[in-house]
Protein backbone atom coordinates (compact mmCIF):
# COMPACT_ATOMS: atom_id res chain seq x y z
CA UNK A 1 -27.95 -40.40 67.49
CA UNK A 2 -26.65 -41.34 70.94
CA UNK A 3 -26.38 -38.76 73.71
CA UNK A 4 -22.58 -38.97 73.56
CA UNK A 5 -22.56 -38.34 69.83
CA UNK A 6 -24.98 -35.45 70.25
CA UNK A 7 -22.70 -33.86 72.86
CA UNK A 8 -19.70 -34.26 70.55
CA UNK A 9 -21.56 -32.66 67.65
CA UNK A 10 -22.70 -29.83 69.92
CA UNK A 11 -19.15 -29.32 71.18
CA UNK A 12 -17.81 -29.17 67.64
CA UNK A 13 -20.44 -26.57 66.77
CA UNK A 14 -19.50 -24.44 69.78
CA UNK A 15 -15.80 -24.74 68.90
CA UNK A 16 -16.40 -23.69 65.30
CA UNK A 17 -18.48 -20.72 66.46
CA UNK A 18 -15.76 -19.67 68.89
CA UNK A 19 -12.95 -19.94 66.37
CA UNK A 20 -15.01 -18.04 63.79
CA UNK A 21 -15.63 -15.27 66.36
CA UNK A 22 -11.93 -15.16 67.25
CA UNK A 23 -11.01 -14.93 63.58
CA UNK A 24 -13.52 -12.11 63.13
CA UNK A 25 -11.87 -10.20 65.98
CA UNK A 26 -8.43 -10.76 64.50
CA UNK A 27 -9.49 -9.62 61.05
CA UNK A 28 -11.24 -6.58 62.51
CA UNK A 29 -8.07 -5.50 64.33
CA UNK A 30 -6.08 -5.94 61.11
CA UNK A 31 -8.53 -3.93 58.99
CA UNK A 32 -9.02 -1.20 61.59
CA UNK A 33 -5.24 -0.83 61.80
CA UNK A 34 -4.83 -0.70 58.01
CA UNK A 35 -7.89 1.27 56.92
CA UNK A 36 -9.13 2.92 60.09
CA UNK A 37 -12.41 2.21 61.85
CA UNK A 38 -14.52 4.43 59.59
CA UNK A 39 -12.66 3.19 56.51
CA UNK A 40 -13.62 -0.41 57.28
CA UNK A 41 -17.09 -1.57 56.26
CA UNK A 42 -19.10 -4.58 57.31
CA UNK A 43 -18.55 -5.77 53.74
CA UNK A 44 -14.77 -5.60 54.26
CA UNK A 45 -15.07 -7.68 57.42
CA UNK A 46 -17.29 -10.25 55.69
CA UNK A 47 -14.92 -10.50 52.74
CA UNK A 48 -11.93 -10.99 55.06
CA UNK A 49 -13.80 -13.80 56.80
CA UNK A 50 -15.09 -15.31 53.56
CA UNK A 51 -18.78 -15.06 54.49
CA UNK A 52 -21.85 -13.07 53.53
CA UNK A 53 -22.43 -9.78 55.34
CA UNK A 54 -25.58 -11.08 56.97
CA UNK A 55 -23.63 -13.92 58.58
CA UNK A 56 -21.64 -11.47 60.70
CA UNK A 57 -24.73 -10.42 62.62
CA UNK A 58 -24.85 -13.86 64.20
CA UNK A 59 -21.70 -12.76 66.08
CA UNK A 60 -22.01 -8.98 66.47
CA UNK A 61 -24.64 -6.22 66.53
CA UNK A 62 -22.36 -3.87 64.62
CA UNK A 63 -18.71 -3.17 63.97
CA UNK A 64 -18.40 -1.00 67.10
CA UNK A 65 -18.60 -4.29 69.03
CA UNK A 66 -15.33 -5.27 67.39
CA UNK A 67 -13.68 -1.90 68.00
CA UNK A 68 -14.61 -2.02 71.68
CA UNK A 69 -13.38 -5.59 71.96
CA UNK A 70 -10.05 -4.69 70.38
CA UNK A 71 -9.66 -1.68 72.69
CA UNK A 72 -10.60 -3.72 75.75
CA UNK A 73 -8.13 -6.47 74.89
CA UNK A 74 -5.41 -3.91 74.25
CA UNK A 75 -6.00 -2.24 77.61
CA UNK A 76 -5.90 -5.58 79.42
CA UNK A 77 -2.65 -6.54 77.74
CA UNK A 78 -0.90 -3.25 78.52
CA UNK A 79 -2.04 -3.41 82.16
CA UNK A 80 -0.93 -7.03 82.42
CA UNK A 81 2.58 -5.94 81.47
CA UNK A 82 2.67 -3.61 84.47
CA UNK A 83 1.03 -6.19 86.72
CA UNK A 84 3.91 -8.59 86.06
CA UNK A 85 6.56 -6.19 87.41
CA UNK A 86 7.65 -7.21 90.95
CA UNK A 87 6.62 -4.60 93.50
CA UNK A 88 9.83 -4.93 95.53
CA UNK A 89 12.08 -3.63 92.75
CA UNK A 90 13.52 -0.13 92.73
CA UNK A 91 11.39 2.42 90.91
CA UNK A 92 13.97 2.93 88.16
CA UNK A 93 14.06 -0.81 87.48
CA UNK A 94 10.26 -0.84 87.34
CA UNK A 95 10.39 1.92 84.74
CA UNK A 96 12.86 -0.07 82.66
CA UNK A 97 10.68 -3.18 82.81
CA UNK A 98 7.54 -1.13 82.09
CA UNK A 99 9.13 0.19 78.93
CA UNK A 100 10.18 -3.33 77.94
CA UNK A 101 6.66 -4.63 78.55
CA UNK A 102 5.02 -1.83 76.59
CA UNK A 103 7.23 -2.19 73.52
CA UNK A 104 6.85 -5.97 73.58
CA UNK A 105 3.07 -5.64 73.54
CA UNK A 106 3.32 -3.30 70.55
CA UNK A 107 5.58 -5.73 68.67
CA UNK A 108 3.58 -8.84 69.60
CA UNK A 109 0.17 -7.30 68.90
CA UNK A 110 1.03 -4.58 66.41
CA UNK A 111 -2.45 -4.28 64.92
CA UNK A 112 -4.18 -4.17 68.30
CA UNK A 113 -1.67 -1.56 69.52
CA UNK A 114 -2.27 0.54 66.41
CA UNK A 115 -6.01 0.51 66.97
CA UNK A 116 -5.55 1.20 70.69
CA UNK A 117 -3.58 4.38 69.97
CA UNK A 118 -5.50 5.65 66.94
CA UNK A 119 -9.11 4.53 66.93
CA UNK A 120 -10.38 4.81 70.53
CA UNK A 121 -12.03 8.18 69.80
CA UNK A 122 -14.63 6.51 67.58
CA UNK A 123 -16.21 4.65 70.47
CA UNK A 124 -19.40 6.14 71.85
CA UNK A 125 -21.26 6.36 75.14
CA UNK A 126 -20.43 4.03 78.01
CA UNK A 127 -17.91 2.06 75.97
CA UNK A 128 -15.91 5.18 75.25
CA UNK A 129 -16.01 6.16 78.92
CA UNK A 130 -14.70 2.73 79.97
CA UNK A 131 -11.80 2.77 77.52
CA UNK A 132 -10.86 6.36 78.36
CA UNK A 133 -10.85 5.37 82.03
CA UNK A 134 -8.55 2.42 81.31
CA UNK A 135 -6.19 4.60 79.26
CA UNK A 136 -6.06 7.17 82.07
CA UNK A 137 -5.46 4.46 84.65
CA UNK A 138 -2.53 3.16 82.64
CA UNK A 139 -1.09 6.67 82.30
CA UNK A 140 -1.46 7.19 86.05
CA UNK A 141 0.36 3.94 86.76
CA UNK A 142 3.28 5.16 84.64
CA UNK A 143 3.24 8.53 86.44
CA UNK A 144 3.28 6.69 89.77
CA UNK A 145 6.54 4.97 88.81
CA UNK A 146 8.24 8.30 88.16
CA UNK A 147 6.71 9.79 91.30
CA UNK A 148 8.02 6.86 93.31
CA UNK A 149 11.49 7.31 91.83
CA UNK A 150 11.49 11.00 92.73
CA UNK A 151 10.19 10.44 96.25
CA UNK A 152 12.77 7.72 96.90
CA UNK A 153 15.61 9.90 95.55
CA UNK A 154 16.31 7.56 92.66
CA UNK A 155 15.44 10.40 90.28
CA UNK A 156 16.09 14.12 90.53
CA UNK A 157 14.03 15.82 93.19
CA UNK A 158 12.65 18.48 90.82
CA UNK A 159 11.39 15.91 88.32
CA UNK A 160 7.94 16.62 86.90
CA UNK A 161 6.44 13.13 86.79
CA UNK A 162 3.65 14.29 84.47
CA UNK A 163 6.17 15.38 81.83
CA UNK A 164 8.27 12.26 82.41
CA UNK A 165 5.26 10.00 81.90
CA UNK A 166 4.27 11.93 78.78
CA UNK A 167 7.76 11.43 77.36
CA UNK A 168 7.64 7.70 78.20
CA UNK A 169 4.22 7.21 76.63
CA UNK A 170 4.97 9.33 73.57
CA UNK A 171 8.00 7.21 72.75
CA UNK A 172 6.31 3.90 73.58
CA UNK A 173 2.87 4.44 72.05
CA UNK A 174 4.08 5.69 68.69
CA UNK A 175 6.41 2.74 68.28
CA UNK A 176 3.59 1.09 66.31
CA UNK A 177 4.53 3.35 63.38
CA UNK A 178 8.00 1.84 62.98
CA UNK A 179 8.29 -1.41 64.97
CA UNK A 180 8.19 -4.67 63.04
CA UNK A 181 5.69 -7.27 64.17
CA UNK A 182 7.25 -9.88 66.42
CA UNK A 183 10.49 -7.94 66.92
CA UNK A 184 12.63 -8.61 69.99
CA UNK A 185 12.31 -5.27 71.73
CA UNK A 186 14.16 -5.74 75.03
CA UNK A 187 17.48 -4.28 73.83
CA UNK A 188 15.66 -1.41 72.16
CA UNK A 189 13.66 -0.70 75.31
CA UNK A 190 16.86 -0.64 77.36
CA UNK A 191 18.40 1.91 74.97
CA UNK A 192 15.28 4.05 75.24
CA UNK A 193 15.46 3.71 79.01
CA UNK A 194 19.10 4.83 79.13
CA UNK A 195 18.31 7.93 77.08
CA UNK A 196 15.23 8.67 79.15
CA UNK A 197 17.08 8.36 82.45
CA UNK A 198 20.05 10.53 81.48
CA UNK A 199 18.13 13.70 82.18
CA UNK A 200 16.32 12.37 85.24
CA UNK A 201 18.92 10.61 87.36
CA UNK A 202 22.07 11.83 89.05
CA UNK A 203 20.87 15.38 89.72
CA UNK A 204 18.87 17.04 92.43
CA UNK A 205 17.49 20.51 92.79
CA UNK A 206 18.76 22.80 95.58
CA UNK A 207 17.01 22.35 98.90
């Protein structure tokens, strides 16, 4: 076999391994969303992939690897939605776009979003600490938007940004229970935003 042919064969092998690993991650997210982390066995994952259970250990040490990976990818995607919002916009417009971004992630990656909301508590040790930190960072970024709106007099001056962020996240996170995969969520997000803002904008507390 020539060197060029050997490289091509090696590249094909790497590609197959990568696509198999990606498919394993996708199937894990689907099963964790449907059956829960503890309700999903290594045998379930192997059956979904069409391989023997022993074959999975060429890709993972255990199924917690897949849970952590799903959680990590979910956190990155939610943060990326906030990262894409232009900093120069008014705070209220940032909130509207943040709600759009969050609901779109849920609709586009419904299984990952379901696992992100429900299954994080089954992580252990350092992995759990990292994911909890990322969830808290995301929550703080949402609180910062409401705080900015209050401080810039776009929202009522007596607004409790902690409660406002909790309301935002409660509505957005639990959308996985009723949103359809792949749904166009922009109009829905804007309706949510209008309802959310009604009690927060146009009023100020006495000085």
